Amino acid sequence: MKKLFTLILLIYASAASAQWSDVNNQFFDSLHMPVSIVTNVQKNPIIVQSYPDGGYFVIWEDDRNVAVTNTDIYAQKYDKTGKRLWADNGVPVSNGPYREQYTLSSNQDYRNRSVAATDSAGGFYIAYYDDSVTNYSWYRMCVQHMKSNGNAVFGAAGFIAAQSVPNNGSTFSAPFLIADGNKGFYLSYVQTYSNDYVEVYDYRDENGTMKLYGGGKV
């Protein structure tokens, strides 16, 4: 079933420059702003404010190419007046050959966790896990850096922060990401191998290379 994916944001904008479909806080169906109207399901949206330009990112899990790449992650950027800045229906954040998602498989409310944060340059970082095997065990913890122009810095699956090694069988899940105040981010996740271990690291993308600034098991 196709679900119409729309955007509702409560912000102030002048009447002369506003692009929001509804600036009166009267959200009727005809006044919603479509974010993505492609086939299949778009789900689990999150909103992250852009810094320093004051815009907004809308990020979601997307099944438009489910037959080829399974679930992917897409995003759209709006400026502070509501003008769309990236391509119609969003741009791919991660569209590797396996399933990428930031929501948990349980019924936890994903909105209680932070998985994306500003890069302090008009773009954002986001953490998610990737099915690197076909039985849908979450083997890899990945991060993508989206630039202000809508381009992804790393490959289709993103930067791989952690993955299982041969004969290990570890899985990585429960991503959590926040900005570090220095154009980088703190990343935490759970490593499961016999027991569960929480790991936390500090990273920053420096000209296309992800630099590690410390961290380890908590």
Protein backbone atom coordinates (compact mmCIF):
# COMPACT_ATOMS: atom_id res chain seq x y z
CA MET A 1 0.00 0.00 0.00
CA LYS A 2 1.36 3.40 -0.96
CA LYS A 3 1.57 5.85 1.90
CA LEU A 4 1.65 9.56 1.10
CA PHE A 5 4.71 11.01 2.79
CA THR A 6 4.25 14.64 3.74
CA LEU A 7 6.06 17.23 5.80
CA ILE A 8 4.63 19.26 8.66
CA LEU A 9 6.93 21.80 10.33
CA LEU A 10 6.01 24.56 12.76
CA ILE A 11 8.29 27.49 11.95
CA TYR A 12 7.99 31.22 11.35
CA ALA A 13 8.35 32.53 7.80
CA SER A 14 7.39 35.85 6.26
CA ALA A 15 4.49 35.89 3.82
CA ALA A 16 6.69 37.28 1.05
CA SER A 17 9.29 34.51 1.07
CA ALA A 18 7.50 31.52 2.57
CA GLN A 19 7.46 28.32 0.56
CA TRP A 20 5.68 26.17 3.15
CA SER A 21 2.35 24.95 1.85
CA ASP A 22 0.69 25.97 5.11
CA VAL A 23 1.96 28.81 7.31
CA ASN A 24 -1.21 29.13 9.40
CA ASN A 25 -0.83 25.91 11.41
CA GLN A 26 -4.09 24.65 9.93
CA PHE A 27 -2.98 21.32 8.59
CA PHE A 28 -5.68 20.08 6.26
CA ASP A 29 -4.90 17.35 3.72
CA SER A 30 -4.85 19.79 0.81
CA LEU A 31 -2.24 21.95 2.54
CA HIS A 32 0.34 19.29 3.36
CA MET A 33 3.68 19.51 1.57
CA PRO A 34 4.58 16.26 -0.24
CA VAL A 35 8.17 15.18 0.43
CA SER A 36 8.17 11.95 -1.58
CA ILE A 37 5.44 10.50 -3.76
CA VAL A 38 7.32 7.64 -5.43
CA THR A 39 6.02 4.08 -5.52
CA ASN A 40 6.17 1.73 -2.54
CA VAL A 41 6.50 2.84 1.06
CA GLN A 42 8.45 5.68 2.66
CA LYS A 43 8.51 5.32 6.44
CA ASN A 44 9.98 6.30 9.82
CA PRO A 45 10.78 9.97 9.06
CA ILE A 46 13.04 12.09 11.22
CA ILE A 47 13.81 15.81 11.05
CA VAL A 48 17.21 17.37 11.76
CA GLN A 49 17.90 21.11 11.73
CA SER A 50 20.71 22.30 9.49
CA TYR A 51 23.43 24.54 10.89
CA PRO A 52 24.38 27.34 10.31
CA ASP A 53 21.84 28.06 7.56
CA GLY A 54 18.73 27.31 9.64
CA GLY A 55 17.22 24.85 7.15
CA TYR A 56 15.83 21.38 7.81
CA PHE A 57 16.60 17.85 6.70
CA VAL A 58 13.85 15.26 6.39
CA ILE A 59 15.27 11.72 6.47
CA TRP A 60 13.38 8.46 6.02
CA GLU A 61 13.62 4.74 5.22
CA ASP A 62 12.55 4.09 1.64
CA ASP A 63 11.34 0.99 -0.24
CA ARG A 64 11.20 2.49 -3.75
CA ASN A 65 13.91 0.05 -4.96
CA VAL A 66 13.05 -2.78 -2.59
CA ALA A 67 13.31 -5.44 -5.33
CA VAL A 68 16.95 -4.50 -6.08
CA THR A 69 18.52 -2.89 -3.00
CA ASN A 70 15.95 -3.71 -0.30
CA THR A 71 15.23 -0.84 2.13
CA ASP A 72 17.33 2.28 1.58
CA ILE A 73 17.67 5.64 3.33
CA TYR A 74 16.73 8.90 1.58
CA ALA A 75 16.73 12.56 2.56
CA GLN A 76 15.46 15.96 1.47
CA LYS A 77 16.65 19.42 2.48
CA TYR A 78 14.56 22.58 2.83
CA ASP A 79 15.81 26.07 3.53
CA LYS A 80 14.37 28.08 6.41
CA THR A 81 11.56 29.42 4.20
CA GLY A 82 10.49 25.94 3.11
CA LYS A 83 12.08 25.91 -0.35
CA ARG A 84 13.12 22.43 -1.49
CA LEU A 85 16.86 22.32 -2.17
CA TRP A 86 17.52 18.76 -3.34
CA ALA A 87 16.02 16.58 -6.09
CA ASP A 88 12.32 15.70 -6.30
CA ASN A 89 11.43 12.85 -3.94
CA GLY A 90 14.76 13.12 -2.12
CA VAL A 91 18.29 11.85 -2.69
CA PRO A 92 19.80 8.51 -1.62
CA VAL A 93 21.75 8.59 1.62
CA SER A 94 22.52 4.89 1.55
CA ASN A 95 21.39 2.48 -1.16
CA GLY A 96 23.76 -0.45 -0.96
CA PRO A 97 22.74 -3.96 -2.07
CA TYR A 98 21.43 -4.93 1.38
CA ARG A 99 18.92 -3.43 3.78
CA GLU A 100 19.94 -0.19 5.51
CA GLN A 101 17.86 1.10 8.41
CA TYR A 102 18.16 3.10 11.62
CA THR A 103 15.06 1.74 13.33
CA LEU A 104 15.18 -1.27 15.61
CA SER A 105 13.46 -4.54 14.81
CA SER A 106 11.51 -4.33 18.09
CA ASN A 107 8.60 -2.01 18.79
CA GLN A 108 10.77 0.69 20.37
CA ASP A 109 9.97 4.28 19.41
CA TYR A 110 12.87 5.25 17.15
CA ARG A 111 12.11 8.95 17.75
CA ASN A 112 13.54 8.63 21.27
CA ARG A 113 17.02 8.05 19.85
CA SER A 114 19.28 10.42 17.91
CA VAL A 115 20.75 8.86 14.76
CA ALA A 116 21.53 12.00 12.73
CA ALA A 117 23.16 15.35 13.48
CA THR A 118 24.45 18.46 11.73
CA ASP A 119 27.99 18.58 10.37
CA SER A 120 28.01 22.35 11.12
CA ALA A 121 28.46 23.06 7.39
CA GLY A 122 24.94 22.67 5.97
CA GLY A 123 25.06 18.88 5.78
CA PHE A 124 24.54 16.01 8.21
CA TYR A 125 25.91 12.73 9.52
CA ILE A 126 23.68 9.69 10.02
CA ALA A 127 24.27 6.25 11.56
CA TYR A 128 22.44 3.05 10.57
CA TYR A 129 23.01 -0.67 10.29
CA ASP A 130 23.41 -2.69 7.15
CA ASP A 131 22.50 -6.31 6.40
CA SER A 132 25.80 -7.56 5.06
CA VAL A 133 24.47 -11.10 4.77
CA THR A 134 21.28 -12.42 3.26
CA ASN A 135 19.71 -13.81 6.43
CA TYR A 136 19.04 -10.27 7.76
CA SER A 137 21.42 -10.40 10.67
CA TRP A 138 22.71 -6.86 11.18
CA TYR A 139 26.42 -7.35 10.76
CA ARG A 140 27.68 -3.85 9.99
CA MET A 141 27.45 -0.43 11.62
CA CYS A 142 27.61 2.31 9.00
CA VAL A 143 27.74 6.10 8.81
CA GLN A 144 27.07 8.43 5.90
CA HIS A 145 28.05 12.08 5.53
CA MET A 146 25.69 14.11 3.36
CA LYS A 147 27.10 17.40 2.09
CA SER A 148 25.03 20.58 1.83
CA ASN A 149 24.57 20.00 -1.92
CA GLY A 150 22.93 16.60 -1.39
CA ASN A 151 25.94 14.49 -2.34
CA ALA A 152 26.96 11.50 -0.23
CA VAL A 153 30.66 11.44 0.71
CA PHE A 154 31.03 7.68 1.10
CA GLY A 155 29.90 4.75 -1.08
CA ALA A 156 26.47 3.20 -1.44
CA ALA A 157 26.65 1.43 1.94
CA GLY A 158 28.44 4.36 3.60
CA PHE A 159 31.48 4.38 5.86
CA ILE A 160 31.68 1.03 7.68
CA ALA A 161 32.45 1.80 11.32
CA ALA A 162 32.24 -1.83 12.51
CA GLN A 163 31.65 -5.22 10.95
CA SER A 164 32.01 -8.87 11.83
CA VAL A 165 35.33 -10.55 11.09
CA PRO A 166 35.62 -14.16 9.82
CA ASN A 167 34.71 -16.78 12.43
CA ASN A 168 33.57 -14.08 14.85
CA GLY A 169 29.83 -13.73 14.30
CA SER A 170 29.43 -10.38 16.05
CA THR A 171 26.47 -8.23 15.09
CA PHE A 172 26.13 -4.47 15.50
CA SER A 173 22.87 -2.65 16.22
CA ALA A 174 21.16 0.20 18.10
CA PRO A 175 22.99 3.16 16.51
CA PHE A 176 23.11 6.49 18.35
CA LEU A 177 24.79 9.58 16.90
CA ILE A 178 25.15 13.17 18.13
CA ALA A 179 27.31 16.12 17.03
CA ASP A 180 30.56 16.63 18.93
CA GLY A 181 30.61 20.43 18.52
CA ASN A 182 33.75 20.23 16.39
CA LYS A 183 32.31 19.36 12.96
CA GLY A 184 32.36 15.68 13.85
CA PHE A 185 30.16 13.30 15.82
CA TYR A 186 30.00 10.77 18.61
CA LEU A 187 28.81 7.33 17.51
CA SER A 188 27.64 4.60 19.86
CA TYR A 189 26.23 1.15 19.13
CA VAL A 190 25.80 -2.31 20.62
CA GLN A 191 28.12 -5.15 19.68
CA THR A 192 26.60 -8.58 20.33
CA TYR A 193 28.81 -11.64 20.62
CA SER A 194 27.87 -14.01 23.45
CA ASN A 195 27.25 -10.83 25.49
CA ASP A 196 26.22 -7.27 24.61
CA TYR A 197 28.83 -4.50 24.69
CA VAL A 198 28.28 -0.76 24.22
CA GLU A 199 30.93 1.02 22.15
CA VAL A 200 31.41 4.80 21.73
CA TYR A 201 33.71 6.60 19.28
CA ASP A 202 34.43 10.14 18.09
CA TYR A 203 34.78 10.64 14.32
CA ARG A 204 35.11 13.50 11.86
CA ASP A 205 35.09 13.48 8.06
CA GLU A 206 38.20 15.30 6.87
CA ASN A 207 38.16 15.80 3.09
CA GLY A 208 36.54 12.44 2.42
CA THR A 209 38.50 10.45 4.99
CA MET A 210 36.80 9.46 8.23
CA LYS A 211 39.22 10.21 11.06
CA LEU A 212 38.90 8.49 14.45
CA TYR A 213 39.56 10.63 17.53
CA GLY A 214 39.26 7.99 20.21
CA GLY A 215 36.78 5.68 21.84
CA GLY A 216 36.19 2.04 22.69
CA LYS A 217 34.06 -0.30 24.76
CA VAL A 218 32.21 1.35 27.63
